[in-house]
C-alpha atoms as a PDB file:
ATOM      1  CA  MET A   1     -11.037   4.481 -28.540  1.00  0.00           C
ATOM      2  CA  HIS A   2     -13.786   6.630 -27.104  1.00  0.00           C
ATOM      3  CA  PRO A   3     -12.253  10.028 -26.777  1.00  0.00           C
ATOM      4  CA  GLU A   4     -13.215  10.220 -23.106  1.00  0.00           C
ATOM      5  CA  LEU A   5     -11.775   6.630 -22.290  1.00  0.00           C
ATOM      6  CA  GLU A   6      -8.495   7.652 -23.963  1.00  0.00           C
ATOM      7  CA  ALA A   7      -8.316  11.022 -21.889  1.00  0.00           C
ATOM      8  CA  ALA A   8      -8.988   9.257 -18.419  1.00  0.00           C
ATOM      9  CA  LEU A   9      -6.445   6.440 -19.422  1.00  0.00           C
ATOM     10  CA  ALA A  10      -3.308   8.459 -20.529  1.00  0.00           C
ATOM     11  CA  PRO A  11      -2.485   9.772 -17.160  1.00  0.00           C
ATOM     12  CA  LEU A  12      -2.666   6.219 -15.639  1.00  0.00           C
ATOM     13  CA  LEU A  13      -0.209   4.865 -18.518  1.00  0.00           C
ATOM     14  CA  ALA A  14       1.942   7.481 -17.796  1.00  0.00           C
ATOM     15  CA  ASP A  15       2.217   6.640 -13.852  1.00  0.00           C
ATOM     16  CA  LEU A  16       2.485   3.048 -14.999  1.00  0.00           C
ATOM     17  CA  ASP A  17       5.381   3.766 -17.438  1.00  0.00           C
ATOM     18  CA  VAL A  18       7.547   5.575 -14.755  1.00  0.00           C
ATOM     19  CA  SER A  19       6.709   3.879 -11.531  1.00  0.00           C
ATOM     20  CA  CYS A  20       6.703   0.191 -12.652  1.00  0.00           C
ATOM     21  CA  GLY A  21       7.947  -0.184 -16.253  1.00  0.00           C
ATOM     22  CA  VAL A  22       4.987  -2.396 -17.050  1.00  0.00           C
ATOM     23  CA  LEU A  23       2.646  -1.264 -19.640  1.00  0.00           C
ATOM     24  CA  PRO A  24      -0.424  -3.086 -20.802  1.00  0.00           C
ATOM     25  CA  LEU A  25      -1.086  -3.481 -24.570  1.00  0.00           C
ATOM     26  CA  VAL A  26      -4.299  -1.479 -24.967  1.00  0.00           C
ATOM     27  CA  ASP A  27      -6.940  -2.950 -27.187  1.00  0.00           C
ATOM     28  CA  ASP A  28      -9.578  -0.625 -28.178  1.00  0.00           C
ATOM     29  CA  LYS A  29     -12.238  -3.026 -28.824  1.00  0.00           C
ATOM     30  CA  SER A  30     -15.256  -2.469 -26.764  1.00  0.00           C
ATOM     31  CA  TRP A  31     -16.568  -5.012 -24.614  1.00  0.00           C
ATOM     32  CA  GLN A  32     -19.546  -3.523 -23.362  1.00  0.00           C
ATOM     33  CA  ASP A  33     -23.065  -3.039 -25.114  1.00  0.00           C
ATOM     34  CA  ASP A  34     -24.186   0.009 -22.842  1.00  0.00           C
ATOM     35  CA  PRO A  35     -24.165   3.379 -25.125  1.00  0.00           C
ATOM     36  CA  ASP A  36     -23.389   5.230 -22.056  1.00  0.00           C
ATOM     37  CA  ALA A  37     -20.073   3.339 -21.211  1.00  0.00           C
ATOM     38  CA  ALA A  38     -16.760   3.279 -22.940  1.00  0.00           C
ATOM     39  CA  SER A  39     -14.329   0.244 -22.529  1.00  0.00           C
ATOM     40  CA  CYS A  40     -11.268  -1.485 -23.741  1.00  0.00           C
ATOM     41  CA  TRP A  41      -9.282  -4.320 -22.713  1.00  0.00           C
ATOM     42  CA  LEU A  42      -5.804  -4.317 -21.177  1.00  0.00           C
ATOM     43  CA  PHE A  43      -3.254  -6.927 -21.857  1.00  0.00           C
ATOM     44  CA  SER A  44      -0.422  -8.448 -19.612  1.00  0.00           C
ATOM     45  CA  PRO A  45       3.016  -9.531 -20.697  1.00  0.00           C
ATOM     46  CA  ASP A  46       1.586 -12.960 -20.130  1.00  0.00           C
ATOM     47  CA  GLY A  47      -1.515 -12.600 -22.745  1.00  0.00           C
ATOM     48  CA  THR A  48      -4.073 -12.160 -20.127  1.00  0.00           C
ATOM     49  CA  GLY A  49      -6.632  -9.590 -20.543  1.00  0.00           C
ATOM     50  CA  THR A  50      -8.722  -7.448 -18.066  1.00  0.00           C
ATOM     51  CA  GLY A  51     -11.536  -5.219 -19.301  1.00  0.00           C
ATOM     52  CA  VAL A  52     -11.820  -1.532 -18.089  1.00  0.00           C
ATOM     53  CA  TRP A  53     -14.579   0.820 -18.644  1.00  0.00           C
ATOM     54  CA  ILE A  54     -15.838   4.237 -17.724  1.00  0.00           C
ATOM     55  CA  PRO A  55     -19.376   5.785 -17.804  1.00  0.00           C
ATOM     56  CA  THR A  56     -19.414   8.527 -20.359  1.00  0.00           C
ATOM     57  CA  GLY A  57     -20.788  11.969 -19.935  1.00  0.00           C
ATOM     58  CA  GLN A  58     -19.458  12.277 -16.364  1.00  0.00           C
ATOM     59  CA  ARG A  59     -16.703  14.618 -15.031  1.00  0.00           C
ATOM     60  CA  GLU A  60     -13.275  13.664 -16.218  1.00  0.00           C
ATOM     61  CA  VAL A  61     -12.118  13.541 -12.661  1.00  0.00           C
ATOM     62  CA  GLU A  62     -14.543  11.066 -11.818  1.00  0.00           C
ATOM     63  CA  GLN A  63     -13.632   9.009 -14.753  1.00  0.00           C
ATOM     64  CA  VAL A  64     -10.260   8.994 -13.938  1.00  0.00           C
ATOM     65  CA  VAL A  65     -10.439   7.912 -10.352  1.00  0.00           C
ATOM     66  CA  MET A  66     -12.856   5.077 -11.380  1.00  0.00           C
ATOM     67  CA  LEU A  67     -10.495   4.044 -14.033  1.00  0.00           C
ATOM     68  CA  ALA A  68      -7.543   4.312 -11.670  1.00  0.00           C
ATOM     69  CA  ASP A  69      -9.039   1.444  -9.532  1.00  0.00           C
ATOM     70  CA  GLN A  70      -9.373  -0.878 -12.393  1.00  0.00           C
ATOM     71  CA  VAL A  71      -5.859  -0.060 -13.793  1.00  0.00           C
ATOM     72  CA  GLN A  72      -4.396  -0.588 -10.369  1.00  0.00           C
ATOM     73  CA  GLU A  73      -6.065  -4.121 -10.251  1.00  0.00           C
ATOM     74  CA  TRP A  74      -4.403  -4.664 -13.578  1.00  0.00           C
ATOM     75  CA  ALA A  75      -1.209  -3.687 -12.373  1.00  0.00           C
ATOM     76  CA  VAL A  76      -1.194  -5.759  -9.166  1.00  0.00           C
ATOM     77  CA  GLU A  77      -2.120  -9.080 -10.904  1.00  0.00           C
ATOM     78  CA  SER A  78       0.401  -8.322 -13.880  1.00  0.00           C
ATOM     79  CA  LEU A  79       3.460  -7.278 -11.425  1.00  0.00           C
ATOM     80  CA  TRP A  80       2.466 -10.395  -9.240  1.00  0.00           C
ATOM     81  CA  MET A  81       2.706 -12.717 -12.304  1.00  0.00           C
ATOM     82  CA  LEU A  82       6.110 -11.347 -13.022  1.00  0.00           C
ATOM     83  CA  ASP A  83       7.050 -12.018  -9.238  1.00  0.00           C
ATOM     84  CA  ARG A  84       7.385  -8.279  -8.508  1.00  0.00           C
ATOM     85  CA  SER A  85       5.999  -6.060  -5.612  1.00  0.00           C
ATOM     86  CA  ALA A  86       2.333  -6.200  -6.567  1.00  0.00           C
ATOM     87  CA  SER A  87       1.887  -2.763  -4.518  1.00  0.00           C
ATOM     88  CA  TRP A  88       1.086  -0.313  -7.141  1.00  0.00           C
ATOM     89  CA  PRO A  89       1.625   2.735  -6.923  1.00  0.00           C
ATOM     90  CA  ALA A  90       3.684   2.045  -3.815  1.00  0.00           C
ATOM     91  CA  CYS A  91       3.107   4.576  -0.901  1.00  0.00           C
ATOM     92  CA  PRO A  92       6.422   6.578  -0.489  1.00  0.00           C
ATOM     93  CA  TYR A  93       5.427   6.712   3.623  1.00  0.00           C
ATOM     94  CA  HIS A  94       4.446   3.107   3.675  1.00  0.00           C
ATOM     95  CA  PRO A  95       6.034   1.147   0.553  1.00  0.00           C
ATOM     96  CA  LYS A  96       5.809  -2.228   1.980  1.00  0.00           C
ATOM     97  CA  ARG A  97       2.277  -1.983   3.666  1.00  0.00           C
ATOM     98  CA  HIS A  98       0.072  -0.591   0.769  1.00  0.00           C
ATOM     99  CA  PRO A  99      -0.538   0.930  -2.596  1.00  0.00           C
ATOM    100  CA  LEU A 100      -1.744   4.535  -3.029  1.00  0.00           C
ATOM    101  CA  ALA A 101      -5.481   4.967  -3.500  1.00  0.00           C
ATOM    102  CA  ALA A 102      -6.964   7.258  -6.063  1.00  0.00           C
ATOM    103  CA  ARG A 103      -9.244  10.076  -4.752  1.00  0.00           C
ATOM    104  CA  GLU A 104     -10.888  13.271  -5.937  1.00  0.00           C
ATOM    105  CA  GLN A 105      -9.627  16.336  -4.047  1.00  0.00           C
ATOM    106  CA  ALA A 106     -10.323  19.996  -4.856  1.00  0.00           C
ATOM    107  CA  GLU A 107     -11.827  18.645  -8.234  1.00  0.00           C
ATOM    108  CA  GLN A 108      -8.495  16.568  -9.385  1.00  0.00           C
ATOM    109  CA  ALA A 109      -7.743  13.153  -9.428  1.00  0.00           C
ATOM    110  CA  VAL A 110      -4.984  12.427  -6.922  1.00  0.00           C
ATOM    111  CA  TRP A 111      -2.973   9.666  -5.490  1.00  0.00           C
ATOM    112  CA  THR A 112      -3.274   9.621  -1.875  1.00  0.00           C
ATOM    113  CA  CYS A 113      -1.709   7.429   1.357  1.00  0.00           C
ATOM    114  CA  PRO A 114      -5.003   5.758   2.481  1.00  0.00           C
ATOM    115  CA  VAL A 115      -3.795   5.785   5.944  1.00  0.00           C
ATOM    116  CA  LEU A 116      -2.583   9.399   6.301  1.00  0.00           C
ATOM    117  CA  GLN A 117      -5.361  10.725   4.230  1.00  0.00           C
ATOM    118  CA  GLU A 118      -2.423  12.753   2.654  1.00  0.00           C
ATOM    119  CA  ARG A 119      -2.154  13.736  -1.006  1.00  0.00           C
ATOM    120  CA  ILE A 120       0.857  12.580  -2.749  1.00  0.00           C
ATOM    121  CA  CYS A 121       0.487  13.840  -6.328  1.00  0.00           C
ATOM    122  CA  ALA A 122      -1.949  14.189  -9.045  1.00  0.00           C
ATOM    123  CA  VAL A 123      -2.749  11.053 -11.001  1.00  0.00           C
ATOM    124  CA  GLY A 124      -0.332  11.265 -14.145  1.00  0.00           C
ATOM    125  CA  ALA A 125       2.501  13.077 -12.085  1.00  0.00           C
ATOM    126  CA  LEU A 126       4.392  10.138 -10.326  1.00  0.00           C
ATOM    127  CA  SER A 127       7.453  10.906 -12.306  1.00  0.00           C
ATOM    128  CA  ARG A 128       7.366  14.338 -10.821  1.00  0.00           C
ATOM    129  CA  THR A 129       6.813  13.554  -7.384  1.00  0.00           C
ATOM    130  CA  ARG A 130       9.373  14.400  -4.407  1.00  0.00           C
ATOM    131  CA  ILE A 131       8.084  13.103  -1.174  1.00  0.00           C
ATOM    132  CA  ARG A 132       9.272  15.076   1.684  1.00  0.00           C
ATOM    133  CA  ARG A 133      10.069  12.624   4.542  1.00  0.00           C
ATOM    134  CA  ARG A 134       8.475  13.507   7.865  1.00  0.00           C
ATOM    135  CA  LYS A 135       8.493  12.242  11.177  1.00  0.00           C
ATOM    136  CA  LEU A 136       5.284  10.225  11.923  1.00  0.00           C
ATOM    137  CA  ARG A 137       4.128  10.489  15.418  1.00  0.00           C
ATOM    138  CA  HIS A 138       3.476   7.150  17.042  1.00  0.00           C
ATOM    139  CA  HIS A 139       0.707   7.294  19.611  1.00  0.00           C
ATOM    140  CA  ALA A 140       1.339   4.989  22.755  1.00  0.00           C
END
């Protein structure tokens, strides 16, 4: 596997492992002909495959954020096929409403609540996340 792709995928696989327990079978066979891209396949427990890719030569944080969206799509489909909640990773503030979104903040790939625009944790650190519950103000 291309080293940049391997580095970008590692924190996402760690997050999948601790937060949903469904891991893809990673096939490092590239499916892109672009010399400026690295790709691989993620296979679900049912045998279906999803191709993921990153442009090479970019900052790692950009690669992780881009790959997070693709891995998130894989996870949603895989969890749905297993008849489990397809909101991955679940937002700790709104667990039944939406998943977290990967963003770049302060030169780091982080999971954020897309409603509150609040950082939850670094991508790859879901297992170490402790969410402080807070009262949300409701505007009348």
